[in-house]
Every structure is written in C-alpha cells, then in structure tokens.
Amino acid sequence: MGKIHQKAEIENTLDLLACKTGELPQEKVRKVALEFLVDTGAAMVCLPTNMIQSLGLQPLYKRLSLTANGTVEAWIFSPAQIRIWDRECNMEIMEVPNGTPPLLGYLALETLDLYPNPKKQILEGNPAHDGRMVIDLLVA
C-alpha cells in the first residue's frame, strides 16, 4: 500500500472573518498552498511550526498526543480553512515539528466527505454520496 498525497490551500480563518467585515483587504489574508500526507491514523490537521507561523495562527491550548515516540504534549492553534477542490472546512491545527510533513487527519476527511482510495493512491469524494460533498446529520 502506498502513500496518498493531496494538494490543498490553507487560509487563516480569523483573517478571512476580518476580510468579510472589511477590516482586512483580501490580499492580506495569510495562506499557504501545500501538499498533505493523508493520515487516517491522525485525528487532526497537523502543520509544522514554520507553516503555523506563516499563517499567523494563535496558540489555544495543549493536548496530549500519542505518537510513534510515545505520548507528547502538543499545541493546538486557532482554526484554519482547508480547501481541497471545491470543498472547504475550518479546523483547529495541531503543531508538529519542522521537517514533519503536513498531515491531513480523519476529522478533516470526514468533514470534507473525502475517502482515501489506497489502490489508486488518491482521495475521492464519498462513494455513498456519488462523490458529492454531503454532510451527514443523521445516520440510518
């Protein structure tokens, strides 16, 4: 089984809100284009410290995190808007050390209604929704 990489755009949610109210011009919204490593074992969207700094995200709180190297305390930062294709969601961001690839965890995958196809090594729209983004409110 191979790795799945996915291109995405990330924007500072607080900047986007300030832009909507006219407090910040669109060109001042901090954003980065990147390639995620899709990680269904990770819960959160994880970005290296340098990307978090370039986005201007603010530290919110620390949480214990289980890693391959044991349990560590990790910072959780203010939300960022993740855009993949025509799908968007806002998620809090977990900090990982510089040099670690950006990780797209299962919370964002569920929210964006994306499913990994390990055979093709791509993300796809949820086949249960004919590939369209649909938010489940009730599970039958």
Protein backbone atom coordinates (compact mmCIF):
# COMPACT_ATOMS: atom_id res chain seq x y z
CA MET A 1 0.00 0.00 0.00
CA GLY A 2 1.36 3.39 -0.94
CA LYS A 3 1.06 6.90 0.42
CA ILE A 4 -1.65 9.35 -0.51
CA HIS A 5 -0.65 12.97 -1.02
CA GLN A 6 -3.19 15.74 -1.55
CA LYS A 7 -2.68 19.34 -2.62
CA ALA A 8 -4.64 21.91 -0.62
CA GLU A 9 -4.82 25.57 0.25
CA ILE A 10 -4.90 26.71 3.88
CA GLU A 11 -6.03 30.18 4.99
CA ASN A 12 -6.13 31.83 8.40
CA THR A 13 -9.80 31.71 9.45
CA LEU A 14 -9.51 34.85 11.59
CA ASP A 15 -8.09 36.73 8.59
CA LEU A 16 -10.99 35.52 6.43
CA LEU A 17 -13.50 36.77 9.00
CA ALA A 18 -11.73 40.15 9.19
CA CYS A 19 -11.84 40.30 5.39
CA LYS A 20 -15.61 39.66 5.40
CA THR A 21 -16.18 42.57 7.78
CA GLY A 22 -13.96 44.88 5.75
CA GLU A 23 -11.25 45.10 8.44
CA LEU A 24 -8.64 43.35 6.26
CA PRO A 25 -8.11 43.51 2.50
CA GLN A 26 -8.26 40.16 0.65
CA GLU A 27 -4.58 40.36 -0.32
CA LYS A 28 -3.61 40.44 3.39
CA VAL A 29 -5.28 37.09 4.19
CA ARG A 30 -2.45 34.74 5.15
CA LYS A 31 -2.46 31.49 3.21
CA VAL A 32 -0.24 28.67 2.07
CA ALA A 33 -0.50 26.13 -0.71
CA LEU A 34 0.81 22.75 0.36
CA GLU A 35 0.71 19.03 -0.11
CA PHE A 36 -0.69 16.94 2.72
CA LEU A 37 0.19 13.40 3.57
CA VAL A 38 -3.20 11.75 4.17
CA ASP A 39 -3.02 10.04 7.57
CA THR A 40 -6.14 8.17 8.66
CA GLY A 41 -4.39 7.35 11.94
CA ALA A 42 -4.14 11.04 12.84
CA ALA A 43 -7.23 12.79 14.18
CA MET A 44 -6.28 16.38 13.44
CA VAL A 45 -4.83 18.53 10.72
CA CYS A 46 -1.15 18.82 11.66
CA LEU A 47 1.19 21.52 10.37
CA PRO A 48 4.87 22.15 11.05
CA THR A 49 5.76 25.13 13.21
CA ASN A 50 7.05 27.25 10.30
CA MET A 51 3.73 26.92 8.40
CA ILE A 52 1.74 27.78 11.52
CA GLN A 53 3.88 30.90 11.95
CA SER A 54 3.48 31.96 8.30
CA LEU A 55 -0.31 31.59 8.65
CA GLY A 56 -0.26 33.67 11.85
CA LEU A 57 -2.28 31.10 13.80
CA GLN A 58 -2.65 31.67 17.55
CA PRO A 59 -1.95 29.07 20.25
CA LEU A 60 -5.12 27.98 22.05
CA TYR A 61 -4.24 25.09 24.37
CA LYS A 62 -2.09 21.97 24.74
CA ARG A 63 -3.26 18.37 24.42
CA LEU A 64 -1.60 15.03 24.99
CA SER A 65 -0.90 13.25 21.73
CA LEU A 66 0.04 9.62 21.12
CA THR A 67 2.93 9.40 18.67
CA ALA A 68 5.34 6.73 17.46
CA ASN A 69 7.79 8.16 20.01
CA GLY A 70 5.34 7.96 22.91
CA THR A 71 2.97 10.47 24.48
CA VAL A 72 3.86 14.14 23.98
CA GLU A 73 2.18 17.44 24.69
CA ALA A 74 1.27 19.31 21.51
CA TRP A 75 -0.04 22.83 20.92
CA ILE A 76 -3.41 23.29 19.28
CA PHE A 77 -3.76 26.52 17.27
CA SER A 78 -6.62 28.71 16.09
CA PRO A 79 -8.61 27.42 13.11
CA ALA A 80 -7.56 27.50 9.51
CA GLN A 81 -9.73 26.98 6.46
CA ILE A 82 -8.71 23.94 4.44
CA ARG A 83 -9.69 23.93 0.77
CA ILE A 84 -9.46 20.82 -1.37
CA TRP A 85 -11.08 21.12 -4.79
CA ASP A 86 -14.44 22.83 -4.21
CA ARG A 87 -14.65 21.65 -0.56
CA GLU A 88 -13.84 23.78 2.45
CA CYS A 89 -13.83 23.32 6.20
CA ASN A 90 -12.39 25.12 9.21
CA MET A 91 -10.35 23.08 11.66
CA GLU A 92 -8.10 23.72 14.64
CA ILE A 93 -4.48 22.89 13.82
CA MET A 94 -2.06 20.71 15.79
CA GLU A 95 1.61 21.69 15.72
CA VAL A 96 4.24 19.18 14.63
CA PRO A 97 7.99 19.79 14.42
CA ASN A 98 9.52 21.43 11.35
CA GLY A 99 10.54 18.75 8.87
CA THR A 100 7.38 16.74 9.54
CA PRO A 101 5.06 16.64 6.54
CA PRO A 102 1.67 18.33 6.88
CA LEU A 103 -0.84 15.65 7.89
CA LEU A 104 -4.50 15.51 6.91
CA GLY A 105 -6.27 13.54 9.63
CA TYR A 106 -9.59 11.78 9.75
CA LEU A 107 -11.59 14.67 11.28
CA ALA A 108 -10.94 16.83 8.19
CA LEU A 109 -11.50 13.88 5.85
CA GLU A 110 -14.91 13.23 7.44
CA THR A 111 -15.83 16.91 7.39
CA LEU A 112 -14.81 17.29 3.73
CA ASP A 113 -16.54 13.98 2.88
CA LEU A 114 -13.37 12.56 1.33
CA TYR A 115 -12.27 8.94 1.31
CA PRO A 116 -8.80 7.55 0.68
CA ASN A 117 -8.53 5.07 -2.17
CA PRO A 118 -5.34 3.17 -1.29
CA LYS A 119 -5.40 1.14 -4.51
CA LYS A 120 -5.31 4.29 -6.68
CA GLN A 121 -3.36 6.27 -4.02
CA ILE A 122 -5.77 9.22 -4.24
CA LEU A 123 -8.53 10.90 -2.26
CA GLU A 124 -12.02 10.59 -3.69
CA GLY A 125 -15.42 12.01 -2.91
CA ASN A 126 -17.54 9.74 -0.73
CA PRO A 127 -18.89 6.98 -2.99
CA ALA A 128 -22.03 6.76 -0.82
CA HIS A 129 -22.82 10.32 -1.95
CA ASP A 130 -21.87 9.81 -5.62
CA GLY A 131 -18.68 11.77 -4.98
CA ARG A 132 -20.53 14.93 -3.93
CA MET A 133 -19.87 16.62 -0.61
CA VAL A 134 -22.75 15.87 1.72
CA ILE A 135 -22.80 16.48 5.47
CA ASP A 136 -24.33 13.64 7.46
CA LEU A 137 -26.70 14.83 10.17
CA LEU A 138 -28.40 11.52 10.81
CA VAL A 139 -27.03 8.05 10.31
CA ALA A 140 -29.58 5.49 9.23
